[in-house]
Amino acid sequence: MHFDDFQQDLSSLDVISKDSEKIAIKLKGVPLQYANALRRVCLNGVPVFAIDTVDIIENTSVLPDEGLAHRLGLIPLKTDLSRFNEPSKCDCQSESGCSNCKILLVLDSGESDQTRAVLSSELSSEDDTVKPVSDKIPIVQLAPGQKIKIECYARLGRGTEHAKWNSSNIATLTDTNKDDEKILTVESTGALNPEQIVLEGVQEVGRRVVEFKDMINNIEE
């Protein structure tokens, strides 16, 4: 089977089940190498937003600055791939980025008068489409008199660079009773809906195959 045939087969996917978090699709007559390539790309090859840089303006909590930055980076962020570019592909080609490839999020807890948890709901984004997938993700526990004030920037990235950019929690490929049939199951982190991850994954595998063919052709020349 050529990859063009693979893409045509996947244009009419047999969806077994899907909801807002998970999708399971049936792949029939698809060679293992293509099916597994799609699984891997669905796991860590589709770009999503994650916090990449954090400026700590004030932090009097028990959590050190690097621990706070790490927690923030692991918060899944809603992603709109139609509106934003990966930094390497953005027209600005700037280290500082622009509004098309970088989003500012701020958090100012204020001084706490009681012990409380700072939650992801307190992260304010300059763009409503890029925000935590849940308002209830704990960031840090504050005691009375403690506070945090931060500015952070999120950008598109891929899980092959760091796990915080994984588009899926899991992506599995299992066999069925039939030799030419496999089940691909993808569970989203919430950044993208599961169906979008699969569709973007198919396109990404296609781009990589084309790039590989070009590399081979250049070597032969």
C-alpha atoms as a PDB file:
ATOM      1  CA  MET A   1       0.000   0.000   0.000  1.00  0.00           C
ATOM      2  CA  HIS A   2       1.287   3.480  -0.942  1.00  0.00           C
ATOM      3  CA  PHE A   3       0.800   6.375   1.466  1.00  0.00           C
ATOM      4  CA  ASP A   4      -1.643   8.046  -0.952  1.00  0.00           C
ATOM      5  CA  ASP A   5      -3.875   4.961  -0.630  1.00  0.00           C
ATOM      6  CA  PHE A   6      -3.478   5.137   3.156  1.00  0.00           C
ATOM      7  CA  GLN A   7      -4.675   8.764   3.187  1.00  0.00           C
ATOM      8  CA  GLN A   8      -7.682   7.867   1.013  1.00  0.00           C
ATOM      9  CA  ASP A   9      -8.611   5.019   3.374  1.00  0.00           C
ATOM     10  CA  LEU A  10      -8.384   7.315   6.378  1.00  0.00           C
ATOM     11  CA  SER A  11     -10.608   9.917   4.738  1.00  0.00           C
ATOM     12  CA  SER A  12     -13.519   7.639   5.639  1.00  0.00           C
ATOM     13  CA  LEU A  13     -12.528   6.483   9.104  1.00  0.00           C
ATOM     14  CA  ASP A  14     -14.752   3.977  10.846  1.00  0.00           C
ATOM     15  CA  VAL A  15     -15.335   5.615  14.225  1.00  0.00           C
ATOM     16  CA  ILE A  16     -16.190   3.030  16.878  1.00  0.00           C
ATOM     17  CA  SER A  17     -16.725   5.474  19.717  1.00  0.00           C
ATOM     18  CA  LYS A  18     -15.932   9.068  20.588  1.00  0.00           C
ATOM     19  CA  ASP A  19     -16.646  11.704  23.192  1.00  0.00           C
ATOM     20  CA  SER A  20     -15.025  14.954  24.292  1.00  0.00           C
ATOM     21  CA  GLU A  21     -12.006  13.108  25.719  1.00  0.00           C
ATOM     22  CA  LYS A  22     -11.410   9.918  23.736  1.00  0.00           C
ATOM     23  CA  ILE A  23     -11.878   8.477  20.259  1.00  0.00           C
ATOM     24  CA  ALA A  24     -11.511   4.910  18.979  1.00  0.00           C
ATOM     25  CA  ILE A  25     -11.261   4.268  15.244  1.00  0.00           C
ATOM     26  CA  LYS A  26     -11.023   1.112  13.163  1.00  0.00           C
ATOM     27  CA  LEU A  27      -8.184   0.834  10.641  1.00  0.00           C
ATOM     28  CA  LYS A  28      -8.772  -1.809   7.962  1.00  0.00           C
ATOM     29  CA  GLY A  29      -6.114  -2.977   5.523  1.00  0.00           C
ATOM     30  CA  VAL A  30      -3.584  -0.432   6.794  1.00  0.00           C
ATOM     31  CA  PRO A  31       0.027  -1.694   7.073  1.00  0.00           C
ATOM     32  CA  LEU A  32       1.429  -1.737  10.578  1.00  0.00           C
ATOM     33  CA  GLN A  33       4.149   0.830   9.810  1.00  0.00           C
ATOM     34  CA  TYR A  34       1.600   3.443   8.732  1.00  0.00           C
ATOM     35  CA  ALA A  35      -0.803   2.693  11.576  1.00  0.00           C
ATOM     36  CA  ASN A  36       1.981   2.905  14.168  1.00  0.00           C
ATOM     37  CA  ALA A  37       3.332   6.118  12.624  1.00  0.00           C
ATOM     38  CA  LEU A  38      -0.132   7.629  13.026  1.00  0.00           C
ATOM     39  CA  ARG A  39      -0.305   6.432  16.641  1.00  0.00           C
ATOM     40  CA  ARG A  40       3.047   8.029  17.499  1.00  0.00           C
ATOM     41  CA  VAL A  41       2.170  11.314  15.822  1.00  0.00           C
ATOM     42  CA  CYS A  42      -1.184  11.457  17.610  1.00  0.00           C
ATOM     43  CA  LEU A  43       0.691  11.055  20.894  1.00  0.00           C
ATOM     44  CA  ASN A  44       3.439  13.651  20.504  1.00  0.00           C
ATOM     45  CA  GLY A  45       3.561  15.003  16.962  1.00  0.00           C
ATOM     46  CA  VAL A  46       0.538  17.326  16.809  1.00  0.00           C
ATOM     47  CA  PRO A  47       1.333  20.871  18.055  1.00  0.00           C
ATOM     48  CA  VAL A  48      -0.481  22.242  21.110  1.00  0.00           C
ATOM     49  CA  PHE A  49       0.012  25.215  23.428  1.00  0.00           C
ATOM     50  CA  ALA A  50       1.968  24.999  26.681  1.00  0.00           C
ATOM     51  CA  ILE A  51       3.592  27.597  28.917  1.00  0.00           C
ATOM     52  CA  ASP A  52       7.233  27.849  27.888  1.00  0.00           C
ATOM     53  CA  THR A  53       8.736  30.824  29.737  1.00  0.00           C
ATOM     54  CA  VAL A  54       7.814  32.158  33.186  1.00  0.00           C
ATOM     55  CA  ASP A  55       8.820  35.486  34.734  1.00  0.00           C
ATOM     56  CA  ILE A  56       8.496  35.314  38.530  1.00  0.00           C
ATOM     57  CA  ILE A  57       7.734  38.831  39.737  1.00  0.00           C
ATOM     58  CA  GLU A  58       7.031  37.735  43.315  1.00  0.00           C
ATOM     59  CA  ASN A  59       6.948  34.347  45.009  1.00  0.00           C
ATOM     60  CA  THR A  60       6.775  34.033  48.782  1.00  0.00           C
ATOM     61  CA  SER A  61       5.213  30.564  48.709  1.00  0.00           C
ATOM     62  CA  VAL A  62       7.031  27.440  49.916  1.00  0.00           C
ATOM     63  CA  LEU A  63       7.432  26.306  46.290  1.00  0.00           C
ATOM     64  CA  PRO A  64      10.724  27.480  44.704  1.00  0.00           C
ATOM     65  CA  ASP A  65      10.618  29.476  41.477  1.00  0.00           C
ATOM     66  CA  GLU A  66      11.689  26.529  39.305  1.00  0.00           C
ATOM     67  CA  GLY A  67       9.035  24.306  40.894  1.00  0.00           C
ATOM     68  CA  LEU A  68       6.365  26.917  40.224  1.00  0.00           C
ATOM     69  CA  ALA A  69       7.485  27.289  36.600  1.00  0.00           C
ATOM     70  CA  HIS A  70       7.431  23.496  36.162  1.00  0.00           C
ATOM     71  CA  ARG A  71       3.866  23.258  37.513  1.00  0.00           C
ATOM     72  CA  LEU A  72       2.687  25.991  35.158  1.00  0.00           C
ATOM     73  CA  GLY A  73       4.293  24.332  32.146  1.00  0.00           C
ATOM     74  CA  LEU A  74       2.374  21.107  32.754  1.00  0.00           C
ATOM     75  CA  ILE A  75      -1.072  22.743  32.731  1.00  0.00           C
ATOM     76  CA  PRO A  76      -2.816  21.697  29.454  1.00  0.00           C
ATOM     77  CA  LEU A  77      -4.009  24.708  27.462  1.00  0.00           C
ATOM     78  CA  LYS A  78      -6.874  24.904  24.985  1.00  0.00           C
ATOM     79  CA  THR A  79      -5.428  25.207  21.484  1.00  0.00           C
ATOM     80  CA  ASP A  80      -6.738  26.726  18.255  1.00  0.00           C
ATOM     81  CA  LEU A  81      -4.431  25.579  15.439  1.00  0.00           C
ATOM     82  CA  SER A  82      -6.281  27.667  12.842  1.00  0.00           C
ATOM     83  CA  ARG A  83      -5.273  30.967  14.476  1.00  0.00           C
ATOM     84  CA  PHE A  84      -1.704  30.490  15.657  1.00  0.00           C
ATOM     85  CA  ASN A  85       1.652  29.486  14.186  1.00  0.00           C
ATOM     86  CA  GLU A  86       4.529  27.486  15.550  1.00  0.00           C
ATOM     87  CA  PRO A  87       7.361  29.968  16.258  1.00  0.00           C
ATOM     88  CA  SER A  88       9.639  28.390  13.640  1.00  0.00           C
ATOM     89  CA  LYS A  89       6.928  28.847  10.993  1.00  0.00           C
ATOM     90  CA  CYS A  90       5.698  32.288  12.031  1.00  0.00           C
ATOM     91  CA  ASP A  91       6.213  35.258   9.688  1.00  0.00           C
ATOM     92  CA  CYS A  92       7.641  37.341  12.531  1.00  0.00           C
ATOM     93  CA  GLN A  93      10.750  35.105  12.818  1.00  0.00           C
ATOM     94  CA  SER A  94      11.488  36.867  16.106  1.00  0.00           C
ATOM     95  CA  GLU A  95      12.948  35.433  19.303  1.00  0.00           C
ATOM     96  CA  SER A  96      10.459  37.509  21.290  1.00  0.00           C
ATOM     97  CA  GLY A  97       7.556  36.221  19.161  1.00  0.00           C
ATOM     98  CA  CYS A  98       4.340  38.002  18.221  1.00  0.00           C
ATOM     99  CA  SER A  99       0.595  37.733  18.834  1.00  0.00           C
ATOM    100  CA  ASN A 100       0.401  35.038  16.138  1.00  0.00           C
ATOM    101  CA  CYS A 101       2.795  32.647  17.870  1.00  0.00           C
ATOM    102  CA  LYS A 102       3.000  33.608  21.567  1.00  0.00           C
ATOM    103  CA  ILE A 103       0.352  34.235  24.217  1.00  0.00           C
ATOM    104  CA  LEU A 104       0.771  36.065  27.534  1.00  0.00           C
ATOM    105  CA  LEU A 105      -0.845  34.660  30.683  1.00  0.00           C
ATOM    106  CA  VAL A 106      -0.658  36.382  34.067  1.00  0.00           C
ATOM    107  CA  LEU A 107      -1.440  35.358  37.625  1.00  0.00           C
ATOM    108  CA  ASP A 108      -1.581  37.643  40.669  1.00  0.00           C
ATOM    109  CA  SER A 109      -2.852  35.804  43.729  1.00  0.00           C
ATOM    110  CA  GLY A 110      -2.800  38.812  46.025  1.00  0.00           C
ATOM    111  CA  GLU A 111      -1.663  38.334  49.610  1.00  0.00           C
ATOM    112  CA  SER A 112      -3.523  35.460  51.195  1.00  0.00           C
ATOM    113  CA  ASP A 113      -5.257  35.989  54.538  1.00  0.00           C
ATOM    114  CA  GLN A 114      -5.869  32.266  54.960  1.00  0.00           C
ATOM    115  CA  THR A 115      -4.437  28.980  53.753  1.00  0.00           C
ATOM    116  CA  ARG A 116      -5.718  28.331  50.243  1.00  0.00           C
ATOM    117  CA  ALA A 117      -4.872  26.673  46.945  1.00  0.00           C
ATOM    118  CA  VAL A 118      -4.099  28.769  43.878  1.00  0.00           C
ATOM    119  CA  LEU A 119      -5.959  27.170  40.966  1.00  0.00           C
ATOM    120  CA  SER A 120      -5.624  27.354  37.198  1.00  0.00           C
ATOM    121  CA  SER A 121      -8.776  29.499  37.094  1.00  0.00           C
ATOM    122  CA  GLU A 122      -6.610  32.387  38.328  1.00  0.00           C
ATOM    123  CA  LEU A 123      -4.466  32.315  35.186  1.00  0.00           C
ATOM    124  CA  SER A 124      -5.644  35.179  32.985  1.00  0.00           C
ATOM    125  CA  SER A 125      -4.888  34.887  29.255  1.00  0.00           C
ATOM    126  CA  GLU A 126      -4.678  37.728  26.759  1.00  0.00           C
ATOM    127  CA  ASP A 127      -6.595  35.483  24.339  1.00  0.00           C
ATOM    128  CA  ASP A 128      -9.716  33.665  25.511  1.00  0.00           C
ATOM    129  CA  THR A 129      -9.091  30.764  23.115  1.00  0.00           C
ATOM    130  CA  VAL A 130      -5.826  29.848  24.878  1.00  0.00           C
ATOM    131  CA  LYS A 131      -6.572  29.031  28.491  1.00  0.00           C
ATOM    132  CA  PRO A 132      -6.324  26.074  30.904  1.00  0.00           C
ATOM    133  CA  VAL A 133      -8.509  23.127  29.953  1.00  0.00           C
ATOM    134  CA  SER A 134      -9.804  23.074  33.535  1.00  0.00           C
ATOM    135  CA  ASP A 135     -10.283  25.755  36.192  1.00  0.00           C
ATOM    136  CA  LYS A 136      -9.572  23.300  39.011  1.00  0.00           C
ATOM    137  CA  ILE A 137      -5.902  22.388  38.454  1.00  0.00           C
ATOM    138  CA  PRO A 138      -3.933  23.197  41.658  1.00  0.00           C
ATOM    139  CA  ILE A 139      -0.761  25.251  41.178  1.00  0.00           C
ATOM    140  CA  VAL A 140       0.476  26.001  44.702  1.00  0.00           C
ATOM    141  CA  GLN A 141      -0.763  26.144  48.296  1.00  0.00           C
ATOM    142  CA  LEU A 142      -0.475  29.550  49.982  1.00  0.00           C
ATOM    143  CA  ALA A 143      -0.312  30.179  53.724  1.00  0.00           C
ATOM    144  CA  PRO A 144      -1.497  33.476  55.255  1.00  0.00           C
ATOM    145  CA  GLY A 145       0.756  36.344  54.158  1.00  0.00           C
ATOM    146  CA  GLN A 146       2.102  34.500  51.104  1.00  0.00           C
ATOM    147  CA  LYS A 147       1.534  35.484  47.465  1.00  0.00           C
ATOM    148  CA  ILE A 148       2.667  34.807  43.910  1.00  0.00           C
ATOM    149  CA  LYS A 149       2.734  37.158  40.955  1.00  0.00           C
ATOM    150  CA  ILE A 150       3.872  35.870  37.583  1.00  0.00           C
ATOM    151  CA  GLU A 151       3.860  36.563  33.863  1.00  0.00           C
ATOM    152  CA  CYS A 152       4.275  33.655  31.496  1.00  0.00           C
ATOM    153  CA  TYR A 153       4.255  33.030  27.765  1.00  0.00           C
ATOM    154  CA  ALA A 154       2.760  30.025  26.010  1.00  0.00           C
ATOM    155  CA  ARG A 155       3.683  28.826  22.535  1.00  0.00           C
ATOM    156  CA  LEU A 156       2.900  25.924  20.223  1.00  0.00           C
ATOM    157  CA  GLY A 157       5.210  22.946  20.518  1.00  0.00           C
ATOM    158  CA  ARG A 158       5.326  19.180  20.055  1.00  0.00           C
ATOM    159  CA  GLY A 159       5.732  16.382  22.543  1.00  0.00           C
ATOM    160  CA  THR A 160       8.900  15.221  20.803  1.00  0.00           C
ATOM    161  CA  GLU A 161      10.497  18.340  22.324  1.00  0.00           C
ATOM    162  CA  HIS A 162       8.965  17.987  25.805  1.00  0.00           C
ATOM    163  CA  ALA A 163       6.099  15.954  27.258  1.00  0.00           C
ATOM    164  CA  LYS A 164       4.221  19.125  28.233  1.00  0.00           C
ATOM    165  CA  TRP A 165       3.425  19.505  24.514  1.00  0.00           C
ATOM    166  CA  ASN A 166       1.940  16.013  24.162  1.00  0.00           C
ATOM    167  CA  SER A 167      -1.445  16.340  22.477  1.00  0.00           C
ATOM    168  CA  SER A 168      -2.628  13.000  23.915  1.00  0.00           C
ATOM    169  CA  ASN A 169      -2.485  11.303  27.282  1.00  0.00           C
ATOM    170  CA  ILE A 170      -2.474   7.939  25.550  1.00  0.00           C
ATOM    171  CA  ALA A 171      -2.474   6.684  21.958  1.00  0.00           C
ATOM    172  CA  THR A 172      -2.720   2.912  21.596  1.00  0.00           C
ATOM    173  CA  LEU A 173      -2.919   0.501  18.672  1.00  0.00           C
ATOM    174  CA  THR A 174      -4.514  -2.898  19.268  1.00  0.00           C
ATOM    175  CA  ASP A 175      -5.284  -5.860  17.036  1.00  0.00           C
ATOM    176  CA  THR A 176      -8.748  -7.321  16.571  1.00  0.00           C
ATOM    177  CA  ASN A 177      -9.846 -10.834  15.606  1.00  0.00           C
ATOM    178  CA  LYS A 178      -9.192  -9.979  11.939  1.00  0.00           C
ATOM    179  CA  ASP A 179      -5.676  -9.926  10.491  1.00  0.00           C
ATOM    180  CA  ASP A 180      -6.077  -6.697   8.542  1.00  0.00           C
ATOM    181  CA  GLU A 181      -7.931  -4.750  11.236  1.00  0.00           C
ATOM    182  CA  LYS A 182      -6.575  -2.589  14.062  1.00  0.00           C
ATOM    183  CA  ILE A 183      -8.093  -0.225  16.608  1.00  0.00           C
ATOM    184  CA  LEU A 184      -6.460   3.161  17.256  1.00  0.00           C
ATOM    185  CA  THR A 185      -7.514   4.759  20.546  1.00  0.00           C
ATOM    186  CA  VAL A 186      -6.549   8.363  21.312  1.00  0.00           C
ATOM    187  CA  GLU A 187      -7.227  10.144  24.605  1.00  0.00           C
ATOM    188  CA  SER A 188      -6.812  13.917  24.482  1.00  0.00           C
ATOM    189  CA  THR A 189      -5.222  16.089  27.172  1.00  0.00           C
ATOM    190  CA  GLY A 190      -8.048  18.538  26.487  1.00  0.00           C
ATOM    191  CA  ALA A 191      -5.959  20.916  24.396  1.00  0.00           C
ATOM    192  CA  LEU A 192      -7.614  19.616  21.200  1.00  0.00           C
ATOM    193  CA  ASN A 193     -10.659  17.433  20.689  1.00  0.00           C
ATOM    194  CA  PRO A 194      -9.732  13.772  19.950  1.00  0.00           C
ATOM    195  CA  GLU A 195     -11.086  13.812  16.394  1.00  0.00           C
ATOM    196  CA  GLN A 196      -8.963  16.839  15.552  1.00  0.00           C
ATOM    197  CA  ILE A 197      -5.844  15.092  16.890  1.00  0.00           C
ATOM    198  CA  VAL A 198      -6.409  12.154  14.529  1.00  0.00           C
ATOM    199  CA  LEU A 199      -7.080  14.378  11.496  1.00  0.00           C
ATOM    200  CA  GLU A 200      -4.057  16.564  12.235  1.00  0.00           C
ATOM    201  CA  GLY A 201      -2.058  13.379  12.796  1.00  0.00           C
ATOM    202  CA  VAL A 202      -2.905  12.046   9.332  1.00  0.00           C
ATOM    203  CA  GLN A 203      -1.800  15.328   7.743  1.00  0.00           C
ATOM    204  CA  GLU A 204       1.414  15.366   9.780  1.00  0.00           C
ATOM    205  CA  VAL A 205       2.341  11.813   8.783  1.00  0.00           C
ATOM    206  CA  GLY A 206       1.738  12.842   5.169  1.00  0.00           C
ATOM    207  CA  ARG A 207       4.066  15.839   5.488  1.00  0.00           C
ATOM    208  CA  ARG A 208       6.787  13.699   7.035  1.00  0.00           C
ATOM    209  CA  VAL A 209       6.553  11.103   4.266  1.00  0.00           C
ATOM    210  CA  VAL A 210       6.890  13.834   1.628  1.00  0.00           C
ATOM    211  CA  GLU A 211       9.911  15.312   3.439  1.00  0.00           C
ATOM    212  CA  PHE A 212      11.513  11.867   3.636  1.00  0.00           C
ATOM    213  CA  LYS A 213      10.948  11.252  -0.089  1.00  0.00           C
ATOM    214  CA  ASP A 214      12.559  14.624  -0.886  1.00  0.00           C
ATOM    215  CA  MET A 215      15.577  13.732   1.260  1.00  0.00           C
ATOM    216  CA  ILE A 216      15.975  10.408  -0.579  1.00  0.00           C
ATOM    217  CA  ASN A 217      15.681  12.133  -3.959  1.00  0.00           C
ATOM    218  CA  ASN A 218      18.342  14.686  -3.002  1.00  0.00           C
ATOM    219  CA  ILE A 219      20.713  11.911  -1.916  1.00  0.00           C
ATOM    220  CA  GLU A 220      20.203  10.047  -5.198  1.00  0.00           C
ATOM    221  CA  GLU A 221      20.892  13.206  -7.181  1.00  0.00           C
END
